[in-house]
Amino acid sequence: PDGYTILFGTISLAINGSLYKTLSYDPSKDLVPVSELASAPFLLVVNPSSPIQSVADLISAGKKTDTENRIYYASAGNGSGAHLFTELLASRAGIKLTHVPYRGAAPAMADVLGGQVPMIFDNIITTLPLIKAGKLRALAVSSKGRSTVAPDIPTLDEQGVTGYDATSWFGLFVPAGTPASVVSTLNRAAVDAVKTSQVSATLRSVGAEPVASSNTQFQAFFQAEVKKWADVVHS
């Protein structure tokens, strides 16, 4: 814990503590948040052949499902972002969706593109090019506000799933016990880097939003994320 060992962490750090019965570490106690660097929404997409044209269509169909008329969705696996983002949607919308877990995002997306499974939530960074190519139909963006790189795609919140807000995020952490002065130094360096025009432009070019938060802001955000995803995992 001297500032020379740094973790580039993701949303999985907020999920793993609830998802696994035993971990060799406690993300909330063993890590100190330094700065959230960037945030990227997921896109809810369907195969173009799907009759679901909008979130309203999905909610309507989801409320009519039975064992013979299920709505299936793919994910990168149990506990993945695609899995939990969709379960959060189902919970907030009051609908039932059937999970089809894969061993990774690539095979999951391959089957959605091939029409074997109609729907998936996936990171905007990898999904937007497929939408632009006409290989997928976008229904919604997962963040509270619209994406600057895809402003024509409405949010779930706008389409009746009130308060829905979930993003994939990236940030720096250090081991617990790292001196506060060192955390502050690393935070200033991270914030300065993200705010440069080159880094900000690069992030936005792939669909991510620069954040550059203080370590206090990141700490509060991280704890809120831990609680939010614990509620989804345990429900």
Protein backbone atom coordinates (compact mmCIF):
# COMPACT_ATOMS: atom_id res chain seq x y z
CA PRO A 1 0.00 0.00 0.00
CA ASP A 2 2.53 2.59 -1.11
CA GLY A 3 0.96 3.95 -4.31
CA TYR A 4 3.01 1.77 -6.65
CA THR A 5 0.48 -1.05 -6.79
CA ILE A 6 -2.70 0.13 -8.51
CA LEU A 7 -5.77 -1.76 -9.73
CA PHE A 8 -7.64 -0.74 -12.85
CA GLY A 9 -11.07 -1.88 -11.65
CA THR A 10 -14.46 -2.35 -13.25
CA ILE A 11 -18.09 -2.75 -12.22
CA SER A 12 -17.36 -6.40 -11.34
CA LEU A 13 -15.75 -5.19 -8.11
CA ALA A 14 -19.15 -3.92 -6.97
CA ILE A 15 -20.85 -7.19 -7.92
CA ASN A 16 -18.46 -9.96 -6.85
CA GLY A 17 -18.94 -9.53 -3.10
CA SER A 18 -22.62 -10.47 -3.45
CA LEU A 19 -22.27 -12.90 -6.32
CA TYR A 20 -19.75 -15.28 -4.75
CA LYS A 21 -20.19 -17.01 -1.40
CA THR A 22 -16.49 -16.77 -0.66
CA LEU A 23 -13.87 -14.35 -1.94
CA SER A 24 -10.26 -14.08 -0.89
CA TYR A 25 -10.80 -10.33 -0.49
CA ASP A 26 -13.53 -7.86 0.42
CA PRO A 27 -13.73 -5.15 -2.25
CA SER A 28 -15.35 -2.69 0.15
CA LYS A 29 -12.71 -3.12 2.87
CA ASP A 30 -9.52 -4.16 1.08
CA LEU A 31 -9.55 -1.53 -1.67
CA VAL A 32 -9.55 2.27 -1.60
CA PRO A 33 -11.22 4.03 -4.56
CA VAL A 34 -8.96 6.64 -6.17
CA SER A 35 -10.97 8.00 -9.10
CA GLU A 36 -13.65 6.86 -11.48
CA LEU A 37 -12.13 7.38 -14.91
CA ALA A 38 -14.94 6.65 -17.34
CA SER A 39 -18.44 5.28 -17.66
CA ALA A 40 -20.03 3.48 -20.61
CA PRO A 41 -23.70 2.56 -20.95
CA PHE A 42 -24.99 -0.75 -22.21
CA LEU A 43 -27.38 -0.95 -25.13
CA LEU A 44 -30.46 -3.15 -25.12
CA VAL A 45 -30.56 -4.67 -28.59
CA VAL A 46 -32.53 -7.27 -30.51
CA ASN A 47 -32.00 -9.16 -33.73
CA PRO A 48 -33.57 -7.16 -36.60
CA SER A 49 -35.95 -10.07 -37.29
CA SER A 50 -37.49 -9.75 -33.81
CA PRO A 51 -41.07 -8.44 -33.69
CA ILE A 52 -40.07 -6.34 -30.66
CA GLN A 53 -39.66 -2.81 -31.99
CA SER A 54 -39.49 -0.87 -28.72
CA VAL A 55 -39.26 -1.14 -24.94
CA ALA A 56 -43.04 -0.76 -24.84
CA ASP A 57 -43.33 -3.85 -27.05
CA LEU A 58 -40.94 -5.73 -24.76
CA ILE A 59 -42.86 -4.80 -21.61
CA SER A 60 -46.17 -5.70 -23.20
CA ALA A 61 -44.88 -9.07 -24.36
CA GLY A 62 -43.08 -9.67 -21.06
CA LYS A 63 -46.29 -9.34 -19.11
CA LYS A 64 -47.97 -12.00 -21.25
CA THR A 65 -45.27 -14.66 -21.09
CA ASP A 66 -45.93 -18.23 -20.03
CA THR A 67 -43.98 -21.47 -20.33
CA GLU A 68 -44.80 -21.69 -24.04
CA ASN A 69 -44.18 -18.04 -24.93
CA ARG A 70 -41.01 -17.02 -23.19
CA ILE A 71 -38.79 -14.07 -24.08
CA TYR A 72 -35.20 -15.22 -24.05
CA TYR A 73 -32.12 -13.07 -23.62
CA ALA A 74 -28.44 -13.91 -23.94
CA SER A 75 -25.60 -12.91 -21.65
CA ALA A 76 -21.88 -13.46 -21.19
CA GLY A 77 -22.66 -15.73 -18.24
CA ASN A 78 -24.24 -15.85 -14.81
CA GLY A 79 -23.44 -12.68 -12.91
CA SER A 80 -22.18 -10.82 -15.97
CA GLY A 81 -23.16 -7.24 -16.65
CA ALA A 82 -25.56 -8.33 -19.38
CA HIS A 83 -27.24 -10.74 -16.96
CA LEU A 84 -27.65 -8.30 -14.07
CA PHE A 85 -28.57 -5.30 -16.23
CA THR A 86 -31.39 -7.35 -17.77
CA GLU A 87 -32.58 -8.68 -14.42
CA LEU A 88 -32.68 -5.11 -13.11
CA LEU A 89 -34.78 -4.18 -16.14
CA ALA A 90 -37.14 -7.12 -15.60
CA SER A 91 -37.55 -6.21 -11.92
CA ARG A 92 -38.19 -2.52 -12.57
CA ALA A 93 -40.58 -3.21 -15.46
CA GLY A 94 -42.44 -6.02 -13.69
CA ILE A 95 -41.87 -8.56 -16.46
CA LYS A 96 -40.38 -12.03 -16.77
CA LEU A 97 -37.46 -12.79 -19.09
CA THR A 98 -35.65 -16.10 -19.51
CA HIS A 99 -31.87 -16.09 -19.19
CA VAL A 100 -29.60 -17.95 -21.63
CA PRO A 101 -26.05 -17.74 -20.23
CA TYR A 102 -23.02 -18.23 -22.47
CA ARG A 103 -19.33 -18.64 -21.73
CA GLY A 104 -18.39 -15.13 -22.73
CA ALA A 105 -19.76 -12.11 -24.56
CA ALA A 106 -18.55 -13.18 -28.02
CA PRO A 107 -20.57 -16.43 -28.29
CA ALA A 108 -23.60 -14.72 -26.73
CA MET A 109 -23.52 -11.94 -29.30
CA ALA A 110 -22.88 -14.45 -32.11
CA ASP A 111 -26.16 -16.21 -31.33
CA VAL A 112 -28.08 -12.94 -31.13
CA LEU A 113 -26.66 -11.94 -34.51
CA GLY A 114 -27.57 -15.36 -35.83
CA GLY A 115 -31.12 -15.17 -34.51
CA GLN A 116 -30.85 -18.12 -32.11
CA VAL A 117 -31.60 -15.80 -29.14
CA PRO A 118 -33.45 -12.55 -29.83
CA MET A 119 -32.08 -10.10 -27.26
CA ILE A 120 -29.03 -9.01 -25.28
CA PHE A 121 -27.71 -6.11 -23.21
CA ASP A 122 -24.14 -5.31 -24.23
CA ASN A 123 -21.55 -2.59 -23.85
CA ILE A 124 -21.97 0.35 -26.22
CA ILE A 125 -18.27 0.19 -27.11
CA THR A 126 -18.68 -3.15 -28.89
CA THR A 127 -22.37 -2.97 -29.84
CA LEU A 128 -22.75 0.43 -31.52
CA PRO A 129 -20.81 -0.56 -34.67
CA LEU A 130 -23.15 -3.54 -35.14
CA ILE A 131 -26.18 -1.25 -34.85
CA LYS A 132 -24.75 1.17 -37.40
CA ALA A 133 -24.16 -1.76 -39.74
CA GLY A 134 -27.81 -2.79 -39.44
CA LYS A 135 -27.00 -6.11 -37.78
CA LEU A 136 -28.82 -5.22 -34.55
CA ARG A 137 -31.80 -3.04 -33.60
CA ALA A 138 -31.30 -0.79 -30.58
CA LEU A 139 -34.19 -0.48 -28.14
CA ALA A 140 -32.64 1.61 -25.37
CA VAL A 141 -29.53 2.88 -23.63
CA SER A 142 -29.02 1.86 -20.00
CA SER A 143 -27.79 5.17 -18.57
CA LYS A 144 -30.05 7.82 -17.04
CA GLY A 145 -29.22 10.22 -19.88
CA ARG A 146 -28.72 9.60 -23.57
CA SER A 147 -25.28 8.79 -24.91
CA THR A 148 -23.42 11.58 -26.68
CA VAL A 149 -22.28 9.14 -29.39
CA ALA A 150 -25.77 7.70 -29.93
CA PRO A 151 -28.17 10.53 -29.04
CA ASP A 152 -30.98 9.04 -31.14
CA ILE A 153 -31.28 5.98 -28.89
CA PRO A 154 -33.74 6.70 -26.03
CA THR A 155 -33.10 5.71 -22.43
CA LEU A 156 -35.06 3.09 -20.52
CA ASP A 157 -36.10 5.82 -18.10
CA GLU A 158 -37.65 7.79 -20.97
CA GLN A 159 -39.56 4.71 -22.10
CA GLY A 160 -41.35 3.98 -18.85
CA VAL A 161 -38.77 2.10 -16.78
CA THR A 162 -38.57 4.94 -14.28
CA GLY A 163 -35.26 5.54 -12.55
CA TYR A 164 -33.35 2.90 -14.49
CA ASP A 165 -29.67 3.81 -14.51
CA ALA A 166 -26.87 1.28 -14.96
CA THR A 167 -23.51 1.67 -16.62
CA SER A 168 -20.26 -0.16 -17.00
CA TRP A 169 -17.60 1.89 -15.28
CA PHE A 170 -13.83 1.93 -14.94
CA GLY A 171 -11.70 3.34 -12.14
CA LEU A 172 -8.50 3.19 -10.14
CA PHE A 173 -8.15 1.50 -6.74
CA VAL A 174 -5.25 1.00 -4.33
CA PRO A 175 -4.82 -1.40 -1.41
CA ALA A 176 -6.31 -0.41 1.93
CA GLY A 177 -3.71 1.26 4.08
CA THR A 178 -2.31 3.43 1.32
CA PRO A 179 -1.59 6.85 2.87
CA ALA A 180 -4.23 9.50 2.20
CA SER A 181 -1.57 11.84 0.78
CA VAL A 182 -0.63 9.19 -1.79
CA VAL A 183 -4.29 8.60 -2.71
CA SER A 184 -4.67 12.36 -3.24
CA THR A 185 -1.59 12.50 -5.45
CA LEU A 186 -2.83 9.62 -7.59
CA ASN A 187 -6.29 11.17 -7.79
CA ARG A 188 -4.93 14.49 -9.05
CA ALA A 189 -2.84 12.71 -11.67
CA ALA A 190 -5.82 10.62 -12.84
CA VAL A 191 -8.17 13.60 -13.01
CA ASP A 192 -5.64 15.69 -14.91
CA ALA A 193 -5.06 12.87 -17.40
CA VAL A 194 -8.75 12.20 -18.08
CA LYS A 195 -9.45 15.90 -18.55
CA THR A 196 -6.87 16.27 -21.33
CA SER A 197 -8.49 16.75 -24.72
CA GLN A 198 -6.74 13.70 -26.16
CA VAL A 199 -7.93 11.25 -23.48
CA SER A 200 -11.45 12.69 -23.33
CA ALA A 201 -11.79 12.56 -27.11
CA THR A 202 -10.50 8.99 -27.24
CA LEU A 203 -12.98 7.84 -24.60
CA ARG A 204 -15.90 9.55 -26.31
CA SER A 205 -14.93 8.12 -29.68
CA VAL A 206 -15.70 4.62 -28.43
CA GLY A 207 -18.87 5.56 -26.55
CA ALA A 208 -17.47 6.08 -23.06
CA GLU A 209 -17.95 9.24 -21.02
CA PRO A 210 -14.96 10.77 -19.16
CA VAL A 211 -15.67 11.08 -15.42
CA ALA A 212 -12.53 12.04 -13.46
CA SER A 213 -14.10 12.05 -10.00
CA SER A 214 -12.56 12.86 -6.64
CA ASN A 215 -11.73 9.90 -4.44
CA THR A 216 -14.57 10.93 -2.08
CA GLN A 217 -17.06 10.97 -4.95
CA PHE A 218 -15.81 7.63 -6.21
CA GLN A 219 -16.06 6.12 -2.74
CA ALA A 220 -19.71 7.17 -2.43
CA PHE A 221 -20.48 5.96 -5.94
CA PHE A 222 -18.76 2.62 -5.35
CA GLN A 223 -20.68 1.93 -2.15
CA ALA A 224 -23.97 2.82 -3.88
CA GLU A 225 -23.07 0.39 -6.67
CA VAL A 226 -22.29 -2.38 -4.16
CA LYS A 227 -25.75 -1.95 -2.60
CA LYS A 228 -27.61 -1.69 -5.91
CA TRP A 229 -26.16 -4.88 -7.36
CA ALA A 230 -26.47 -6.75 -4.07
CA ASP A 231 -30.20 -6.07 -4.22
CA VAL A 232 -30.34 -7.46 -7.77
CA VAL A 233 -28.25 -10.54 -6.98
CA HIS A 234 -30.28 -11.39 -3.88
CA SER A 235 -33.68 -10.82 -5.47
